[in-house]
Amino acid sequence: MSTLTPPPADGQVVNGGLDAKALGCLREAFGSDARNKLMQNAVTQTTVDDVALNREVITSTDHTFSHHLDDWKVTNQKSSGRCWMFAGLNLIRVGAMKKMKLKEFEFSQNYTLFWDKLERANYFLEQVIATGSSDVDDRLVAYLLDRPLDDGGQWNMFVNVVSKHGLVPQAVMPETQSSSNTRRMNSILLNVLREGAAMLRGLVGKGAGADEIKKTKDGVVATVYRVLCIHLGTPPTKFDWQWQDEDKRFHRDGELTPKEFADVYCALPLEEYICLVHDPRPSSPMGKTFTVAHLGNVIGGEPVKYLNVDIETMKTLTMKTLIGGEPVWMGCDVGKMMRRDLGVWDAELFDYEGVYQTKFAHSKAERLIYHQTLMTHAMLFTGVDVADDKTPRRWRVENSWGEEGGRKGFYVMNDSWFDEHMFEVAIHKDLLPEELVEAAQLEPIVLPAWDPMGALAR
């Protein structure tokens, strides 16, 4: 029976095994330190986060803010990865509620999910055709086949869906079992798309003509459409809209298409927002615009683009937007240093170093490089606590996980966490300095498809 042993580096003699002596030393070292025994007794009886929780952070953090925008209830994406979509719709529903004088209103997240899935299926199949002559084990081809239709997405992808397909109220296309729990539907769609990919690659490989390839692709798209209709319902092409406002006054718009509804009730010029990211890796210079290869959803839509800025610039523009009365769409690594029941993020929330007697010393850039961090979740900033009229102390966040966590679904992010785990915000271009607006118009540097800056879409 053979074993796989990594070859030694040139000029080095490596004894890579763990022999009995080495294992004995490990056991003795652990048992000889009373702190290890204490931590073992604690962590074997309760979660390590309860043991490591920094009470000073909890007692010094409250949920009051000098600038507080929200007076509405949170939404709930349930068992789906639609955070980016919920955050986008939550942003624009603020203006819709004001215009309609409603205390509660939601755009249909199921409607935008339907069109993103269909558009992304078509986008994936086009990528399959474009790479059809590459070997199936090529890294890019393997990556595309592995992640063809995730729930996640990016700001530009949200804008593409709204711009092309419009919006509808949630009552017109309500949630279904599959929109709230996408796993099973996604598994069916993945099956359809991978079988379609095999057919298309076969056609490209044998030199088939463009018409035959397109006919085959269109057949796969038709199957995807059918699956989506079965799971999510058929998206409306027009609907009647009427409502009673908070003053009990009745309003009727009559029959509208989704595009007409979006034109009336999406008050924000979405195409005028620029995505700012904080990517401190040496390979990602500040002030430059980036894109991620093969990342998108709508063929012919706007590409996913980021403008890399320092963290202080990101904070300043986010704070300026909030003080101006508008929430901010953002992306972060949500699970790091987070206490969900209390609704708190802080860079020092858990003392893992004290529990394990080790150092976790990687910088933000190093965590990106070594796959220890990436964007995992999108939400809204709806408030900020500012000291001395210029220094942010903490941030109020509207999540889309229902009312169970935090304060009825709203969370507090201490400013230390912003530095370490915030990655992206969408800011209107009018608030950006002229040099950043100009930089955002330049041809973007293309990052590989698997770069962590594209992770929110995965």
Protein backbone atom coordinates (compact mmCIF):
# COMPACT_ATOMS: atom_id res chain seq x y z
CA MET A 1 0.00 0.00 0.00
CA SER A 2 1.52 3.30 -1.06
CA THR A 3 1.29 6.60 0.79
CA LEU A 4 1.52 10.11 -0.57
CA THR A 5 4.35 12.13 0.95
CA PRO A 6 5.03 15.68 -0.25
CA PRO A 7 8.48 16.02 -1.78
CA PRO A 8 11.00 17.98 0.30
CA ALA A 9 12.00 21.43 -0.82
CA ASP A 10 15.36 21.64 -2.58
CA GLY A 11 18.25 21.44 -0.12
CA GLN A 12 16.05 20.42 2.83
CA VAL A 13 15.82 17.15 4.72
CA VAL A 14 12.26 16.65 5.94
CA ASN A 15 11.00 14.11 8.43
CA GLY A 16 7.32 14.70 7.96
CA GLY A 17 5.80 12.02 10.15
CA LEU A 18 4.35 12.29 13.65
CA ASP A 19 6.07 9.50 15.55
CA ALA A 20 5.27 8.25 19.05
CA LYS A 21 7.82 10.52 20.66
CA ALA A 22 6.39 13.63 19.00
CA LEU A 23 2.84 12.67 19.99
CA GLY A 24 3.96 12.03 23.56
CA CYS A 25 5.52 15.48 23.75
CA LEU A 26 2.30 17.08 22.55
CA ARG A 27 0.26 15.23 25.17
CA GLU A 28 2.67 16.09 27.97
CA ALA A 29 2.83 19.77 27.01
CA PHE A 30 -0.95 20.06 26.97
CA GLY A 31 -1.46 18.25 30.27
CA SER A 32 1.23 20.19 32.13
CA ASP A 33 -0.48 23.57 31.70
CA ALA A 34 -3.39 24.21 34.08
CA ARG A 35 -4.88 26.80 31.72
CA ASN A 36 -5.33 24.13 29.05
CA LYS A 37 -7.25 21.97 31.51
CA LEU A 38 -9.41 24.91 32.53
CA MET A 39 -10.26 25.74 28.91
CA GLN A 40 -10.91 22.07 28.15
CA ASN A 41 -13.35 21.82 31.07
CA ALA A 42 -15.15 24.95 29.91
CA VAL A 43 -15.28 24.35 26.14
CA THR A 44 -16.34 20.69 26.42
CA GLN A 45 -19.41 21.87 28.34
CA THR A 46 -20.39 24.99 26.37
CA THR A 47 -19.67 26.79 23.11
CA VAL A 48 -16.25 28.38 22.84
CA ASP A 49 -17.89 31.71 21.97
CA ASP A 50 -19.52 31.82 25.41
CA VAL A 51 -16.16 31.12 27.02
CA ALA A 52 -14.24 33.64 24.92
CA LEU A 53 -16.86 36.42 24.99
CA ASN A 54 -15.35 39.75 26.00
CA ARG A 55 -17.77 41.16 28.55
CA GLU A 56 -16.14 44.59 28.43
CA VAL A 57 -17.11 44.91 24.77
CA ILE A 58 -20.70 43.90 25.51
CA THR A 59 -21.14 46.25 28.46
CA SER A 60 -19.57 49.18 26.59
CA THR A 61 -21.72 48.75 23.46
CA ASP A 62 -25.23 50.14 23.22
CA HIS A 63 -27.74 50.55 20.41
CA THR A 64 -28.03 54.35 20.35
CA PHE A 65 -26.88 56.45 17.41
CA SER A 66 -26.53 60.13 16.69
CA HIS A 67 -27.95 59.53 13.19
CA HIS A 68 -30.69 56.89 13.01
CA LEU A 69 -32.73 56.45 9.83
CA ASP A 70 -34.87 53.32 10.13
CA ASP A 71 -38.38 53.17 11.55
CA TRP A 72 -39.46 50.02 9.74
CA LYS A 73 -39.34 46.27 10.30
CA VAL A 74 -36.60 44.04 8.95
CA THR A 75 -37.12 41.47 6.21
CA ASN A 76 -36.24 37.77 6.21
CA GLN A 77 -34.37 35.95 3.44
CA LYS A 78 -34.85 32.68 5.35
CA SER A 79 -32.88 29.69 4.00
CA SER A 80 -31.57 31.39 0.89
CA GLY A 81 -28.47 33.33 -0.14
CA ARG A 82 -30.35 36.37 -1.40
CA CYS A 83 -28.77 38.87 1.03
CA TRP A 84 -27.45 41.12 -1.76
CA MET A 85 -30.92 41.21 -3.32
CA PHE A 86 -32.70 41.85 -0.02
CA ALA A 87 -30.22 44.60 0.82
CA GLY A 88 -30.80 46.24 -2.56
CA LEU A 89 -34.58 46.01 -2.31
CA ASN A 90 -34.49 47.21 1.30
CA LEU A 91 -32.53 50.25 0.15
CA ILE A 92 -35.01 51.30 -2.50
CA ARG A 93 -38.11 50.42 -0.48
CA VAL A 94 -37.32 53.36 1.83
CA GLY A 95 -38.21 55.82 -0.91
CA ALA A 96 -41.18 53.73 -2.03
CA MET A 97 -42.65 53.72 1.49
CA LYS A 98 -42.26 57.48 1.71
CA LYS A 99 -43.86 58.03 -1.68
CA MET A 100 -46.81 55.76 -0.92
CA LYS A 101 -47.01 56.90 2.74
CA LEU A 102 -46.78 53.32 4.01
CA LYS A 103 -45.20 52.12 7.25
CA GLU A 104 -44.66 48.64 5.84
CA PHE A 105 -43.90 47.63 2.26
CA GLU A 106 -41.67 45.11 0.50
CA PHE A 107 -40.79 44.63 -3.13
CA SER A 108 -41.05 41.02 -4.27
CA GLN A 109 -37.75 39.30 -3.59
CA ASN A 110 -39.13 36.22 -5.33
CA TYR A 111 -39.60 38.20 -8.55
CA THR A 112 -36.00 39.42 -8.66
CA LEU A 113 -34.80 35.93 -7.68
CA PHE A 114 -36.63 34.43 -10.67
CA TRP A 115 -35.05 36.77 -13.17
CA ASP A 116 -31.58 36.58 -11.66
CA LYS A 117 -31.68 32.78 -11.84
CA LEU A 118 -32.84 32.77 -15.46
CA GLU A 119 -30.39 35.45 -16.56
CA ARG A 120 -27.54 33.80 -14.70
CA ALA A 121 -28.30 30.43 -16.27
CA ASN A 122 -28.06 32.04 -19.70
CA TYR A 123 -24.86 33.86 -18.64
CA PHE A 124 -23.30 30.57 -17.49
CA LEU A 125 -24.18 28.78 -20.72
CA GLU A 126 -22.55 31.58 -22.72
CA GLN A 127 -19.39 31.15 -20.61
CA VAL A 128 -19.50 27.42 -21.34
CA ILE A 129 -19.63 28.10 -25.07
CA ALA A 130 -16.80 30.65 -24.85
CA THR A 131 -14.56 28.14 -23.05
CA GLY A 132 -15.80 25.12 -24.97
CA SER A 133 -12.47 24.40 -26.64
CA SER A 134 -10.59 24.30 -23.30
CA ASP A 135 -10.02 21.03 -21.50
CA VAL A 136 -12.73 20.14 -18.99
CA ASP A 137 -10.04 19.99 -16.28
CA ASP A 138 -8.81 23.50 -17.08
CA ARG A 139 -8.99 25.52 -13.85
CA LEU A 140 -11.43 28.08 -15.25
CA VAL A 141 -13.72 25.47 -16.81
CA ALA A 142 -13.71 23.46 -13.59
CA TYR A 143 -14.51 26.61 -11.61
CA LEU A 144 -17.41 27.54 -13.89
CA LEU A 145 -18.87 24.04 -13.66
CA ASP A 146 -18.52 24.07 -9.90
CA ARG A 147 -20.33 27.39 -9.31
CA PRO A 148 -22.81 27.98 -12.14
CA LEU A 149 -25.87 29.22 -10.26
CA ASP A 150 -25.30 30.35 -6.67
CA ASP A 151 -27.81 32.48 -4.76
CA GLY A 152 -25.30 35.24 -4.04
CA GLY A 153 -24.73 38.34 -6.09
CA GLN A 154 -23.25 41.81 -6.34
CA TRP A 155 -24.53 45.38 -6.51
CA ASN A 156 -24.11 45.65 -10.29
CA MET A 157 -25.95 42.36 -10.73
CA PHE A 158 -28.86 43.73 -8.67
CA VAL A 159 -28.93 46.86 -10.81
CA ASN A 160 -28.94 44.73 -13.97
CA VAL A 161 -32.00 42.76 -12.87
CA VAL A 162 -33.98 45.85 -11.85
CA SER A 163 -33.00 47.79 -14.98
CA LYS A 164 -34.06 45.00 -17.33
CA HIS A 165 -37.03 43.40 -15.56
CA GLY A 166 -38.37 46.06 -13.20
CA LEU A 167 -39.99 45.43 -9.83
CA VAL A 168 -43.30 44.28 -8.39
CA PRO A 169 -44.80 44.45 -4.88
CA GLN A 170 -44.35 41.35 -2.78
CA ALA A 171 -48.10 40.73 -2.83
CA VAL A 172 -48.01 40.36 -6.62
CA MET A 173 -45.36 37.62 -6.56
CA PRO A 174 -45.12 36.38 -2.96
CA GLU A 175 -42.57 34.03 -1.46
CA THR A 176 -42.83 30.31 -2.15
CA GLN A 177 -41.35 27.31 -0.35
CA SER A 178 -38.49 27.29 -2.84
CA SER A 179 -37.73 31.01 -2.76
CA SER A 180 -37.41 30.82 1.01
CA ASN A 181 -35.47 27.56 0.90
CA THR A 182 -33.54 27.42 -2.35
CA ARG A 183 -31.36 24.35 -1.82
CA ARG A 184 -33.53 21.73 -3.53
CA MET A 185 -34.49 23.97 -6.46
CA ASN A 186 -30.83 24.87 -6.95
CA SER A 187 -29.82 21.22 -7.05
CA ILE A 188 -32.30 20.60 -9.89
CA LEU A 189 -31.08 23.67 -11.77
CA LEU A 190 -27.46 22.60 -11.37
CA ASN A 191 -28.33 19.23 -12.89
CA VAL A 192 -30.01 20.91 -15.85
CA LEU A 193 -27.13 23.32 -16.41
CA ARG A 194 -24.34 20.77 -16.14
CA GLU A 195 -26.06 18.44 -18.58
CA GLY A 196 -26.55 21.44 -20.84
CA ALA A 197 -22.87 22.30 -20.48
CA ALA A 198 -21.90 18.80 -21.56
CA MET A 199 -24.07 19.08 -24.69
CA LEU A 200 -22.71 22.51 -25.59
CA ARG A 201 -19.08 21.50 -25.05
CA GLY A 202 -19.69 18.47 -27.24
CA LEU A 203 -21.03 20.69 -30.02
CA VAL A 204 -18.11 23.10 -29.76
CA GLY A 205 -15.69 20.19 -29.75
CA LYS A 206 -17.02 18.76 -33.00
CA GLY A 207 -17.08 22.16 -34.70
CA ALA A 208 -20.87 22.64 -34.83
CA GLY A 209 -22.23 25.86 -36.33
CA ALA A 210 -23.43 28.84 -34.34
CA ASP A 211 -27.10 28.15 -35.15
CA GLU A 212 -26.97 24.60 -33.79
CA ILE A 213 -25.16 25.74 -30.66
CA LYS A 214 -27.68 28.53 -30.05
CA LYS A 215 -30.64 26.20 -30.60
CA THR A 216 -29.25 23.79 -28.02
CA LYS A 217 -28.55 26.59 -25.54
CA ASP A 218 -32.05 28.01 -26.00
CA GLY A 219 -33.47 24.58 -25.21
CA VAL A 220 -31.56 24.45 -21.93
CA VAL A 221 -32.73 27.98 -21.04
CA ALA A 222 -36.33 26.91 -21.74
CA THR A 223 -35.95 24.03 -19.30
CA VAL A 224 -34.53 26.38 -16.67
CA TYR A 225 -37.50 28.72 -17.19
CA ARG A 226 -39.91 25.83 -16.72
CA VAL A 227 -38.20 24.69 -13.52
CA LEU A 228 -38.24 28.23 -12.14
CA CYS A 229 -41.94 28.69 -12.91
CA ILE A 230 -42.75 25.42 -11.15
CA HIS A 231 -40.78 26.41 -8.03
CA LEU A 232 -41.28 30.17 -7.87
CA GLY A 233 -44.42 30.88 -9.89
CA THR A 234 -44.72 32.68 -13.22
CA PRO A 235 -43.57 36.32 -13.05
CA PRO A 236 -46.31 38.79 -13.98
CA THR A 237 -46.10 40.91 -17.10
CA LYS A 238 -48.64 43.42 -15.72
CA PHE A 239 -50.73 43.85 -12.58
CA ASP A 240 -53.18 46.19 -10.85
CA TRP A 241 -51.76 48.24 -7.99
CA GLN A 242 -53.82 49.98 -5.34
CA TRP A 243 -53.29 50.57 -1.61
CA GLN A 244 -54.45 52.38 1.51
CA ASP A 245 -51.84 54.65 3.08
CA GLU A 246 -51.11 55.20 6.77
CA ASP A 247 -53.69 58.01 6.86
CA LYS A 248 -56.33 55.57 5.59
CA ARG A 249 -56.47 57.24 2.20
CA PHE A 250 -57.08 54.99 -0.80
CA HIS A 251 -54.86 55.16 -3.91
CA ARG A 252 -55.10 53.38 -7.25
CA ASP A 253 -52.42 53.34 -9.95
CA GLY A 254 -54.31 50.95 -12.20
CA GLU A 255 -52.54 48.47 -14.45
CA LEU A 256 -48.74 48.65 -14.53
CA THR A 257 -45.94 46.61 -16.00
CA PRO A 258 -43.02 45.73 -13.68
CA LYS A 259 -40.86 48.24 -15.54
CA GLU A 260 -43.47 50.98 -15.10
CA PHE A 261 -43.78 50.16 -11.40
CA ALA A 262 -40.00 50.40 -10.99
CA ASP A 263 -39.92 53.71 -12.83
CA VAL A 264 -42.49 55.15 -10.41
CA TYR A 265 -41.36 53.65 -7.10
CA CYS A 266 -37.61 53.18 -7.41
CA ALA A 267 -36.58 56.70 -6.49
CA LEU A 268 -32.82 56.08 -6.60
CA PRO A 269 -30.80 56.30 -9.84
CA LEU A 270 -29.19 52.90 -9.30
CA GLU A 271 -26.91 53.16 -12.31
CA GLU A 272 -25.23 56.22 -10.73
CA TYR A 273 -23.90 54.31 -7.72
CA ILE A 274 -20.27 53.22 -7.60
CA CYS A 275 -19.05 50.21 -5.64
CA LEU A 276 -16.14 51.00 -3.38
CA VAL A 277 -14.10 48.17 -1.90
CA HIS A 278 -11.31 48.02 0.63
CA ASP A 279 -8.83 45.45 -0.69
CA PRO A 280 -5.48 46.04 1.06
CA ARG A 281 -3.56 43.31 -0.75
CA PRO A 282 -0.29 44.54 -2.29
CA SER A 283 -1.51 43.28 -5.66
CA SER A 284 -4.56 45.60 -5.53
CA PRO A 285 -3.45 49.26 -5.72
CA MET A 286 -5.68 51.91 -4.19
CA GLY A 287 -7.51 54.22 -6.55
CA LYS A 288 -7.77 51.58 -9.28
CA THR A 289 -10.90 49.94 -10.67
CA PHE A 290 -11.26 46.17 -10.82
CA THR A 291 -13.60 43.54 -12.19
CA VAL A 292 -13.76 39.78 -11.73
CA ALA A 293 -13.57 37.60 -14.82
CA HIS A 294 -16.70 35.63 -15.75
CA LEU A 295 -18.75 37.26 -12.96
CA GLY A 296 -22.15 38.59 -13.95
CA ASN A 297 -25.75 37.71 -14.64
CA VAL A 298 -27.27 39.66 -17.56
CA ILE A 299 -25.65 39.37 -20.99
CA GLY A 300 -25.22 42.96 -22.18
CA GLY A 301 -25.72 44.33 -18.66
CA GLU A 302 -23.26 46.37 -16.64
CA PRO A 303 -20.16 44.45 -15.56
CA VAL A 304 -19.34 43.98 -11.90
CA LYS A 305 -16.87 46.77 -11.08
CA TYR A 306 -15.13 47.89 -7.90
CA LEU A 307 -13.10 50.97 -7.08
CA ASN A 308 -10.46 50.20 -4.46
CA VAL A 309 -10.15 52.84 -1.71
CA ASP A 310 -8.58 53.06 1.73
CA ILE A 311 -10.78 52.24 4.71
CA GLU A 312 -10.98 55.86 5.94
CA THR A 313 -12.34 57.00 2.58
CA MET A 314 -14.95 54.24 2.72
CA LYS A 315 -15.96 55.27 6.23
CA THR A 316 -16.15 58.97 5.38
CA LEU A 317 -18.38 58.44 2.34
CA THR A 318 -20.60 55.95 4.17
CA MET A 319 -21.00 58.37 7.07
CA LYS A 320 -21.72 61.27 4.71
CA THR A 321 -24.45 59.25 2.96
CA LEU A 322 -26.10 58.29 6.26
CA ILE A 323 -25.98 61.83 7.65
CA GLY A 324 -27.58 62.92 4.38
CA GLY A 325 -30.55 60.67 5.14
CA GLU A 326 -29.92 57.63 2.92
CA PRO A 327 -29.08 54.05 3.97
CA VAL A 328 -26.02 52.36 2.46
CA TRP A 329 -25.80 48.96 0.76
CA MET A 330 -22.70 47.11 1.97
CA GLY A 331 -20.83 43.79 1.90
CA CYS A 332 -18.73 42.25 4.68
CA ASP A 333 -17.43 39.02 6.23
CA VAL A 334 -20.44 38.68 8.49
CA GLY A 335 -19.49 35.72 10.68
CA LYS A 336 -16.25 37.09 12.07
CA MET A 337 -16.33 38.37 15.69
CA MET A 338 -20.14 38.38 15.74
CA ARG A 339 -22.65 37.62 18.47
CA ARG A 340 -25.95 37.02 16.70
CA ASP A 341 -28.28 36.90 19.72
CA LEU A 342 -26.92 40.19 21.04
CA GLY A 343 -26.55 41.71 17.58
CA VAL A 344 -22.97 42.91 18.12
CA TRP A 345 -19.84 42.99 15.97
CA ASP A 346 -16.50 44.08 17.42
CA ALA A 347 -12.92 43.27 16.40
CA GLU A 348 -12.16 42.15 19.99
CA LEU A 349 -15.50 40.48 20.74
CA PHE A 350 -13.98 37.04 21.45
CA ASP A 351 -10.66 36.37 23.15
CA TYR A 352 -9.73 33.27 21.17
CA GLU A 353 -6.05 33.95 21.76
CA GLY A 354 -6.61 33.66 25.50
CA VAL A 355 -8.53 30.41 25.12
CA TYR A 356 -6.02 28.68 22.85
CA GLN A 357 -2.82 30.46 23.98
CA THR A 358 -1.82 31.34 20.45
CA LYS A 359 -1.66 34.42 18.27
CA PHE A 360 -3.97 35.15 15.34
CA ALA A 361 -1.84 37.88 13.87
CA HIS A 362 -2.67 38.01 10.15
CA SER A 363 -3.52 41.43 8.78
CA LYS A 364 -6.63 41.98 6.68
CA ALA A 365 -4.53 41.67 3.53
CA GLU A 366 -2.96 38.43 4.73
CA ARG A 367 -6.35 36.98 5.61
CA LEU A 368 -7.49 37.67 2.03
CA ILE A 369 -4.35 36.13 0.56
CA TYR A 370 -4.50 33.00 2.71
CA HIS A 371 -8.25 32.38 2.29
CA GLN A 372 -9.19 33.31 5.85
CA THR A 373 -11.63 36.07 4.88
CA LEU A 374 -13.88 37.16 2.02
CA MET A 375 -17.22 38.87 1.48
CA THR A 376 -19.99 36.60 2.73
CA HIS A 377 -23.04 38.82 3.33
CA ALA A 378 -24.72 42.04 2.22
CA MET A 379 -26.83 44.30 4.46
CA LEU A 380 -27.76 47.95 4.96
CA PHE A 381 -26.24 50.63 7.14
CA THR A 382 -29.15 52.60 8.60
CA GLY A 383 -27.39 54.66 11.24
CA VAL A 384 -24.10 55.88 12.63
CA ASP A 385 -22.98 57.27 15.98
CA VAL A 386 -20.59 60.14 15.33
CA ALA A 387 -18.37 61.75 17.95
CA ASP A 388 -17.05 65.31 17.56
CA ASP A 389 -19.07 65.62 14.33
CA LYS A 390 -16.42 63.62 12.43
CA THR A 391 -15.41 60.35 14.10
CA PRO A 392 -17.69 57.29 13.73
CA ARG A 393 -17.94 55.19 16.90
CA ARG A 394 -20.42 52.55 15.82
CA TRP A 395 -22.77 51.73 12.97
CA ARG A 396 -26.39 50.55 12.90
CA VAL A 397 -27.08 47.68 10.51
CA GLU A 398 -30.35 46.38 9.06
CA ASN A 399 -29.99 42.66 8.48
CA SER A 400 -32.33 40.36 6.53
CA TRP A 401 -32.45 37.42 8.95
CA GLY A 402 -35.80 38.23 10.55
CA GLU A 403 -36.37 39.74 13.99
CA GLU A 404 -34.81 37.00 16.14
CA GLY A 405 -31.24 38.35 16.33
CA GLY A 406 -30.04 41.69 17.64
CA ARG A 407 -32.69 44.28 18.43
CA LYS A 408 -35.58 42.99 16.34
CA GLY A 409 -33.17 42.26 13.48
CA PHE A 410 -31.06 45.41 13.75
CA TYR A 411 -27.41 45.05 14.77
CA VAL A 412 -24.65 47.30 16.07
CA MET A 413 -21.19 47.28 14.48
CA ASN A 414 -18.43 48.88 16.51
CA ASP A 415 -16.01 50.88 14.40
CA SER A 416 -13.12 48.50 15.11
CA TRP A 417 -15.02 45.79 13.22
CA PHE A 418 -15.52 48.07 10.21
CA ASP A 419 -11.74 48.32 9.83
CA GLU A 420 -11.14 44.58 9.85
CA HIS A 421 -14.14 42.96 8.23
CA MET A 422 -15.91 45.52 6.02
CA PHE A 423 -15.20 45.22 2.30
CA GLU A 424 -17.72 47.03 0.12
CA VAL A 425 -20.27 49.85 -0.07
CA ALA A 426 -22.34 51.34 -2.90
CA ILE A 427 -22.16 55.15 -2.89
CA HIS A 428 -23.76 57.69 -5.21
CA LYS A 429 -21.12 59.19 -7.47
CA ASP A 430 -22.06 62.77 -6.50
CA LEU A 431 -20.51 62.19 -3.05
CA LEU A 432 -17.20 60.96 -4.40
CA PRO A 433 -14.20 63.24 -4.98
CA GLU A 434 -13.67 63.99 -8.66
CA GLU A 435 -10.52 61.88 -8.87
CA LEU A 436 -12.41 58.80 -7.68
CA VAL A 437 -15.24 59.41 -10.15
CA GLU A 438 -12.67 59.60 -12.92
CA ALA A 439 -10.89 56.47 -11.70
CA ALA A 440 -14.18 54.58 -11.72
CA GLN A 441 -14.56 55.25 -15.45
CA LEU A 442 -11.21 53.71 -16.37
CA GLU A 443 -10.87 50.26 -17.90
CA PRO A 444 -10.88 47.86 -14.94
CA ILE A 445 -8.08 45.50 -13.99
CA VAL A 446 -9.39 41.95 -14.43
CA LEU A 447 -9.09 39.64 -11.44
CA PRO A 448 -9.40 35.84 -11.88
CA ALA A 449 -12.83 34.27 -11.53
CA TRP A 450 -11.97 32.75 -8.14
CA ASP A 451 -10.63 35.97 -6.57
CA PRO A 452 -12.11 36.69 -3.11
CA MET A 453 -13.44 40.04 -4.32
CA GLY A 454 -16.09 38.07 -6.21
CA ALA A 455 -17.06 35.94 -3.24
CA LEU A 456 -20.34 37.73 -2.41
CA ALA A 457 -21.78 36.35 -5.64
CA ARG A 458 -20.90 32.84 -4.55
